[in-house]
Amino acid sequence: MSDSSQYTLKTAEVHLSTGVNIVAEVASFEAIKRLVQDAEASQLGGLIQDSAKSRETPPVAAAHAPEDPLARMETRAGLKAGSLAKAKLVAVKDEAPHLLRPHSFKKIIDAVVVLIFAVETGMRRNPIDYDSFSALYEAQNLKSGTPLAMMLTNLRNGGYLDKRTYADRRNLRLTGKGEEKAVQVLKELCDAA
């Protein structure tokens, strides 16, 4: 290692793979190393390996994940900020999403898909076990002549729910098709409000 008495370190700029840029006051290379290790440990991401990528500006949505569950849902669905609250579709209370206007969904299946999307995206619980979702579903006061188990079977058969995840541990997780359906329903309902 070279003799550091010939120069003085004042600041370090660290570019992480998640798009986060950290500028910190440091006094040594060890401090920089600890900074990077702490960033990785806190799941902020690791160093960008390609120096060309470090100069790229990350997209605004990817630069930070919103902490508000509704904001996460809006970001993921490509909705304007505050549109879910304005449309009075979904709210979060006691760490659980609630459909505020269940009658506004054209089909009960749409409400179920949106509810799973709210749990996965808004609450960051992916996958959700069947029993927890069943209790959440019952709390929504959704009216249907079809039992929940049958609706979930229909969603699995339609490709909206991951069959393997359900078969392994009886957990629910939307597929790409299921997420697209939830986003489509949310956009339609927000536009109509």
C-alpha atoms as a PDB file:
ATOM      1  CA  MET A   1       0.000   0.000   0.000  1.00  0.00           C
ATOM      2  CA  SER A   2       1.237   3.505  -0.742  1.00  0.00           C
ATOM      3  CA  ASP A   3       2.151   6.135   1.795  1.00  0.00           C
ATOM      4  CA  SER A   4      -0.966   8.222   2.509  1.00  0.00           C
ATOM      5  CA  SER A   5       1.008  11.029   4.141  1.00  0.00           C
ATOM      6  CA  GLN A   6       1.385  12.632   0.702  1.00  0.00           C
ATOM      7  CA  TYR A   7      -2.323  13.372   0.409  1.00  0.00           C
ATOM      8  CA  THR A   8      -5.433  13.916   2.539  1.00  0.00           C
ATOM      9  CA  LEU A   9      -8.764  12.230   1.965  1.00  0.00           C
ATOM     10  CA  LYS A  10     -11.763  14.469   2.595  1.00  0.00           C
ATOM     11  CA  THR A  11     -14.758  13.015   0.799  1.00  0.00           C
ATOM     12  CA  ALA A  12     -15.668   9.901  -1.109  1.00  0.00           C
ATOM     13  CA  GLU A  13     -18.428   9.478  -3.657  1.00  0.00           C
ATOM     14  CA  VAL A  14     -19.743   5.921  -3.855  1.00  0.00           C
ATOM     15  CA  HIS A  15     -22.145   4.786  -6.598  1.00  0.00           C
ATOM     16  CA  LEU A  16     -24.239   1.730  -5.721  1.00  0.00           C
ATOM     17  CA  SER A  17     -25.912  -0.752  -8.037  1.00  0.00           C
ATOM     18  CA  THR A  18     -29.387   0.352  -6.891  1.00  0.00           C
ATOM     19  CA  GLY A  19     -28.790   3.861  -8.214  1.00  0.00           C
ATOM     20  CA  VAL A  20     -28.025   5.331  -4.807  1.00  0.00           C
ATOM     21  CA  ASN A  21     -25.083   7.716  -4.700  1.00  0.00           C
ATOM     22  CA  ILE A  22     -23.438   8.365  -1.343  1.00  0.00           C
ATOM     23  CA  VAL A  23     -21.131  11.284  -0.637  1.00  0.00           C
ATOM     24  CA  ALA A  24     -19.411  10.956   2.719  1.00  0.00           C
ATOM     25  CA  GLU A  25     -16.612  12.589   4.641  1.00  0.00           C
ATOM     26  CA  VAL A  26     -13.821  10.073   5.144  1.00  0.00           C
ATOM     27  CA  ALA A  27     -10.340  10.102   6.576  1.00  0.00           C
ATOM     28  CA  SER A  28      -8.966   6.822   5.215  1.00  0.00           C
ATOM     29  CA  PHE A  29      -9.401   4.030   2.729  1.00  0.00           C
ATOM     30  CA  GLU A  30     -10.607   1.863   5.610  1.00  0.00           C
ATOM     31  CA  ALA A  31     -13.466   4.326   6.155  1.00  0.00           C
ATOM     32  CA  ILE A  32     -14.451   3.989   2.499  1.00  0.00           C
ATOM     33  CA  LYS A  33     -14.337   0.201   2.786  1.00  0.00           C
ATOM     34  CA  ARG A  34     -16.560   0.322   5.906  1.00  0.00           C
ATOM     35  CA  LEU A  35     -18.963   2.672   4.108  1.00  0.00           C
ATOM     36  CA  VAL A  36     -19.368   0.204   1.244  1.00  0.00           C
ATOM     37  CA  GLN A  37     -19.747  -2.737   3.642  1.00  0.00           C
ATOM     38  CA  ASP A  38     -22.399  -0.872   5.655  1.00  0.00           C
ATOM     39  CA  ALA A  39     -24.291   0.016   2.462  1.00  0.00           C
ATOM     40  CA  GLU A  40     -24.288  -3.624   1.370  1.00  0.00           C
ATOM     41  CA  ALA A  41     -25.334  -4.813   4.836  1.00  0.00           C
ATOM     42  CA  SER A  42     -28.280  -2.398   4.880  1.00  0.00           C
ATOM     43  CA  GLN A  43     -29.368  -3.717   1.458  1.00  0.00           C
ATOM     44  CA  LEU A  44     -28.723  -0.412  -0.304  1.00  0.00           C
ATOM     45  CA  GLY A  45     -26.742  -2.341  -2.904  1.00  0.00           C
ATOM     46  CA  GLY A  46     -23.160  -3.020  -3.825  1.00  0.00           C
ATOM     47  CA  LEU A  47     -20.673  -0.985  -5.799  1.00  0.00           C
ATOM     48  CA  ILE A  48     -21.242  -0.560  -9.511  1.00  0.00           C
ATOM     49  CA  GLN A  49     -18.526  -2.560 -11.217  1.00  0.00           C
ATOM     50  CA  ASP A  50     -18.628  -0.820 -14.603  1.00  0.00           C
ATOM     51  CA  SER A  51     -17.401   2.774 -14.379  1.00  0.00           C
ATOM     52  CA  ALA A  52     -19.559   3.799 -17.366  1.00  0.00           C
ATOM     53  CA  LYS A  53     -22.668   2.720 -15.478  1.00  0.00           C
ATOM     54  CA  SER A  54     -21.697   4.840 -12.496  1.00  0.00           C
ATOM     55  CA  ARG A  55     -22.146   7.959 -14.616  1.00  0.00           C
ATOM     56  CA  GLU A  56     -25.652   7.015 -15.740  1.00  0.00           C
ATOM     57  CA  THR A  57     -28.540   8.784 -14.065  1.00  0.00           C
ATOM     58  CA  PRO A  58     -30.980   6.246 -12.620  1.00  0.00           C
ATOM     59  CA  PRO A  59     -34.676   6.624 -13.400  1.00  0.00           C
ATOM     60  CA  VAL A  60     -36.572   8.645 -10.807  1.00  0.00           C
ATOM     61  CA  ALA A  61     -38.877   5.789  -9.814  1.00  0.00           C
ATOM     62  CA  ALA A  62     -35.971   3.404  -9.338  1.00  0.00           C
ATOM     63  CA  ALA A  63     -33.893   5.877  -7.340  1.00  0.00           C
ATOM     64  CA  HIS A  64     -35.883   5.232  -4.190  1.00  0.00           C
ATOM     65  CA  ALA A  65     -38.721   3.014  -3.115  1.00  0.00           C
ATOM     66  CA  PRO A  66     -41.547   4.918  -1.460  1.00  0.00           C
ATOM     67  CA  GLU A  67     -42.246   3.931   2.124  1.00  0.00           C
ATOM     68  CA  ASP A  68     -45.998   4.504   1.856  1.00  0.00           C
ATOM     69  CA  PRO A  69     -47.802   1.323   0.726  1.00  0.00           C
ATOM     70  CA  LEU A  70     -50.201   3.270  -1.498  1.00  0.00           C
ATOM     71  CA  ALA A  71     -47.298   5.140  -3.088  1.00  0.00           C
ATOM     72  CA  ARG A  72     -45.577   1.815  -3.827  1.00  0.00           C
ATOM     73  CA  MET A  73     -48.749   0.545  -5.473  1.00  0.00           C
ATOM     74  CA  GLU A  74     -49.143   3.732  -7.510  1.00  0.00           C
ATOM     75  CA  THR A  75     -45.518   3.631  -8.608  1.00  0.00           C
ATOM     76  CA  ARG A  76     -45.744  -0.023  -9.631  1.00  0.00           C
ATOM     77  CA  ALA A  77     -49.032   0.540 -11.470  1.00  0.00           C
ATOM     78  CA  GLY A  78     -47.841   3.718 -13.183  1.00  0.00           C
ATOM     79  CA  LEU A  79     -50.529   5.840 -11.529  1.00  0.00           C
ATOM     80  CA  LYS A  80     -50.222   9.467 -10.494  1.00  0.00           C
ATOM     81  CA  ALA A  81     -49.283  10.066  -6.879  1.00  0.00           C
ATOM     82  CA  GLY A  82     -52.378  10.228  -4.700  1.00  0.00           C
ATOM     83  CA  SER A  83     -54.693   8.694  -7.285  1.00  0.00           C
ATOM     84  CA  LEU A  84     -55.647   5.669  -5.144  1.00  0.00           C
ATOM     85  CA  ALA A  85     -56.590   7.892  -2.216  1.00  0.00           C
ATOM     86  CA  LYS A  86     -58.438  10.306  -4.489  1.00  0.00           C
ATOM     87  CA  ALA A  87     -60.439   7.466  -6.045  1.00  0.00           C
ATOM     88  CA  LYS A  88     -61.023   6.015  -2.557  1.00  0.00           C
ATOM     89  CA  LEU A  89     -60.187   2.509  -3.731  1.00  0.00           C
ATOM     90  CA  VAL A  90     -57.629   1.225  -1.250  1.00  0.00           C
ATOM     91  CA  ALA A  91     -56.510   2.241   2.221  1.00  0.00           C
ATOM     92  CA  VAL A  92     -54.058   0.735   4.681  1.00  0.00           C
ATOM     93  CA  LYS A  93     -54.877   0.322   8.340  1.00  0.00           C
ATOM     94  CA  ASP A  94     -53.061  -1.783  10.922  1.00  0.00           C
ATOM     95  CA  GLU A  95     -50.582  -3.078   8.325  1.00  0.00           C
ATOM     96  CA  ALA A  96     -53.379  -4.470   6.151  1.00  0.00           C
ATOM     97  CA  PRO A  97     -54.885  -3.182   2.902  1.00  0.00           C
ATOM     98  CA  HIS A  98     -58.623  -2.567   2.725  1.00  0.00           C
ATOM     99  CA  LEU A  99     -60.815  -2.097  -0.321  1.00  0.00           C
ATOM    100  CA  LEU A 100     -62.836   1.026   0.446  1.00  0.00           C
ATOM    101  CA  ARG A 101     -65.401   0.614  -2.309  1.00  0.00           C
ATOM    102  CA  PRO A 102     -65.696  -3.108  -3.008  1.00  0.00           C
ATOM    103  CA  HIS A 103     -68.885  -2.522  -5.012  1.00  0.00           C
ATOM    104  CA  SER A 104     -66.911  -0.479  -7.586  1.00  0.00           C
ATOM    105  CA  PHE A 105     -65.228  -3.622  -8.949  1.00  0.00           C
ATOM    106  CA  LYS A 106     -67.062  -5.064 -11.943  1.00  0.00           C
ATOM    107  CA  LYS A 107     -66.137  -8.627 -10.995  1.00  0.00           C
ATOM    108  CA  ILE A 108     -65.291 -10.163  -7.657  1.00  0.00           C
ATOM    109  CA  ILE A 109     -62.204 -11.699  -9.277  1.00  0.00           C
ATOM    110  CA  ASP A 110     -60.935  -8.176 -10.043  1.00  0.00           C
ATOM    111  CA  ALA A 111     -61.244  -7.264  -6.374  1.00  0.00           C
ATOM    112  CA  VAL A 112     -59.354 -10.406  -5.341  1.00  0.00           C
ATOM    113  CA  VAL A 113     -56.517  -9.716  -7.797  1.00  0.00           C
ATOM    114  CA  VAL A 114     -56.246  -6.093  -6.626  1.00  0.00           C
ATOM    115  CA  LEU A 115     -56.249  -7.225  -3.000  1.00  0.00           C
ATOM    116  CA  ILE A 116     -53.396  -9.672  -3.649  1.00  0.00           C
ATOM    117  CA  PHE A 117     -51.543  -6.919  -5.548  1.00  0.00           C
ATOM    118  CA  ALA A 118     -52.026  -4.597  -2.557  1.00  0.00           C
ATOM    119  CA  VAL A 119     -50.554  -7.194  -0.207  1.00  0.00           C
ATOM    120  CA  GLU A 120     -47.616  -8.023  -2.491  1.00  0.00           C
ATOM    121  CA  THR A 121     -46.704  -4.540  -3.665  1.00  0.00           C
ATOM    122  CA  GLY A 122     -48.050  -2.232  -1.000  1.00  0.00           C
ATOM    123  CA  MET A 123     -47.316  -4.326   2.056  1.00  0.00           C
ATOM    124  CA  ARG A 124     -44.264  -6.093   0.575  1.00  0.00           C
ATOM    125  CA  ARG A 125     -45.511  -9.520   1.609  1.00  0.00           C
ATOM    126  CA  ASN A 126     -44.775 -11.876  -1.209  1.00  0.00           C
ATOM    127  CA  PRO A 127     -46.038 -14.547  -1.230  1.00  0.00           C
ATOM    128  CA  ILE A 128     -48.966 -14.487   1.187  1.00  0.00           C
ATOM    129  CA  ASP A 129     -50.167 -17.682   2.801  1.00  0.00           C
ATOM    130  CA  TYR A 130     -53.702 -18.826   2.080  1.00  0.00           C
ATOM    131  CA  ASP A 131     -54.952 -18.568   5.669  1.00  0.00           C
ATOM    132  CA  SER A 132     -53.768 -14.970   6.081  1.00  0.00           C
ATOM    133  CA  PHE A 133     -55.295 -13.982   2.766  1.00  0.00           C
ATOM    134  CA  SER A 134     -58.540 -15.753   3.602  1.00  0.00           C
ATOM    135  CA  ALA A 135     -58.874 -13.691   6.796  1.00  0.00           C
ATOM    136  CA  LEU A 136     -58.056 -10.500   4.890  1.00  0.00           C
ATOM    137  CA  TYR A 137     -60.588 -11.383   2.191  1.00  0.00           C
ATOM    138  CA  GLU A 138     -63.313 -12.011   4.774  1.00  0.00           C
ATOM    139  CA  ALA A 139     -62.628  -8.597   6.341  1.00  0.00           C
ATOM    140  CA  GLN A 140     -63.319  -6.865   2.999  1.00  0.00           C
ATOM    141  CA  ASN A 141     -67.053  -7.609   3.079  1.00  0.00           C
ATOM    142  CA  LEU A 142     -66.996  -8.764  -0.535  1.00  0.00           C
ATOM    143  CA  LYS A 143     -70.226 -10.403  -1.639  1.00  0.00           C
ATOM    144  CA  SER A 144     -69.901 -13.498  -3.773  1.00  0.00           C
ATOM    145  CA  GLY A 145     -71.735 -16.765  -4.203  1.00  0.00           C
ATOM    146  CA  THR A 146     -68.431 -18.443  -5.038  1.00  0.00           C
ATOM    147  CA  PRO A 147     -66.188 -19.637  -2.200  1.00  0.00           C
ATOM    148  CA  LEU A 148     -62.728 -18.063  -2.021  1.00  0.00           C
ATOM    149  CA  ALA A 149     -61.008 -21.405  -2.646  1.00  0.00           C
ATOM    150  CA  MET A 150     -62.884 -21.784  -5.943  1.00  0.00           C
ATOM    151  CA  MET A 151     -62.037 -18.218  -7.027  1.00  0.00           C
ATOM    152  CA  LEU A 152     -58.364 -18.828  -6.306  1.00  0.00           C
ATOM    153  CA  THR A 153     -58.505 -22.081  -8.270  1.00  0.00           C
ATOM    154  CA  ASN A 154     -60.001 -20.171 -11.197  1.00  0.00           C
ATOM    155  CA  LEU A 155     -57.230 -17.559 -10.926  1.00  0.00           C
ATOM    156  CA  ARG A 156     -54.563 -20.286 -10.884  1.00  0.00           C
ATOM    157  CA  ASN A 157     -56.135 -22.031 -13.877  1.00  0.00           C
ATOM    158  CA  GLY A 158     -56.333 -18.697 -15.709  1.00  0.00           C
ATOM    159  CA  GLY A 159     -52.639 -18.051 -15.141  1.00  0.00           C
ATOM    160  CA  TYR A 160     -53.109 -15.124 -12.741  1.00  0.00           C
ATOM    161  CA  LEU A 161     -51.677 -16.935  -9.701  1.00  0.00           C
ATOM    162  CA  ASP A 162     -48.444 -18.899  -9.558  1.00  0.00           C
ATOM    163  CA  LYS A 163     -49.423 -22.586  -9.490  1.00  0.00           C
ATOM    164  CA  ARG A 164     -46.083 -23.813  -8.182  1.00  0.00           C
ATOM    165  CA  THR A 165     -46.050 -21.436  -5.219  1.00  0.00           C
ATOM    166  CA  TYR A 166     -49.529 -22.558  -4.240  1.00  0.00           C
ATOM    167  CA  ALA A 167     -48.746 -26.254  -4.684  1.00  0.00           C
ATOM    168  CA  ASP A 168     -45.549 -26.072  -2.606  1.00  0.00           C
ATOM    169  CA  ARG A 169     -46.812 -24.305   0.502  1.00  0.00           C
ATOM    170  CA  ARG A 170     -50.344 -23.118  -0.258  1.00  0.00           C
ATOM    171  CA  ASN A 171     -49.061 -19.586  -0.780  1.00  0.00           C
ATOM    172  CA  LEU A 172     -50.501 -17.002  -3.145  1.00  0.00           C
ATOM    173  CA  ARG A 173     -48.396 -14.968  -5.552  1.00  0.00           C
ATOM    174  CA  LEU A 174     -49.469 -13.126  -8.675  1.00  0.00           C
ATOM    175  CA  THR A 175     -47.887 -14.025 -11.973  1.00  0.00           C
ATOM    176  CA  GLY A 176     -46.937 -11.338 -14.473  1.00  0.00           C
ATOM    177  CA  LYS A 177     -50.355 -11.776 -16.042  1.00  0.00           C
ATOM    178  CA  GLY A 178     -52.016 -11.374 -12.646  1.00  0.00           C
ATOM    179  CA  GLU A 179     -50.090  -8.205 -11.899  1.00  0.00           C
ATOM    180  CA  GLU A 180     -51.009  -6.785 -15.307  1.00  0.00           C
ATOM    181  CA  LYS A 181     -54.661  -7.526 -14.566  1.00  0.00           C
ATOM    182  CA  ALA A 182     -54.464  -5.762 -11.188  1.00  0.00           C
ATOM    183  CA  VAL A 183     -52.782  -2.732 -12.769  1.00  0.00           C
ATOM    184  CA  GLN A 184     -55.397  -2.630 -15.530  1.00  0.00           C
ATOM    185  CA  VAL A 185     -58.263  -2.751 -13.013  1.00  0.00           C
ATOM    186  CA  LEU A 186     -56.696  -0.038 -10.836  1.00  0.00           C
ATOM    187  CA  LYS A 187     -56.115   2.240 -13.829  1.00  0.00           C
ATOM    188  CA  GLU A 188     -59.693   1.793 -15.040  1.00  0.00           C
ATOM    189  CA  LEU A 189     -61.133   2.530 -11.602  1.00  0.00           C
ATOM    190  CA  CYS A 190     -58.872   5.552 -11.037  1.00  0.00           C
ATOM    191  CA  ASP A 191     -59.760   6.951 -14.463  1.00  0.00           C
ATOM    192  CA  ALA A 192     -63.472   6.489 -13.750  1.00  0.00           C
ATOM    193  CA  ALA A 193     -63.264   8.277 -10.391  1.00  0.00           C
END
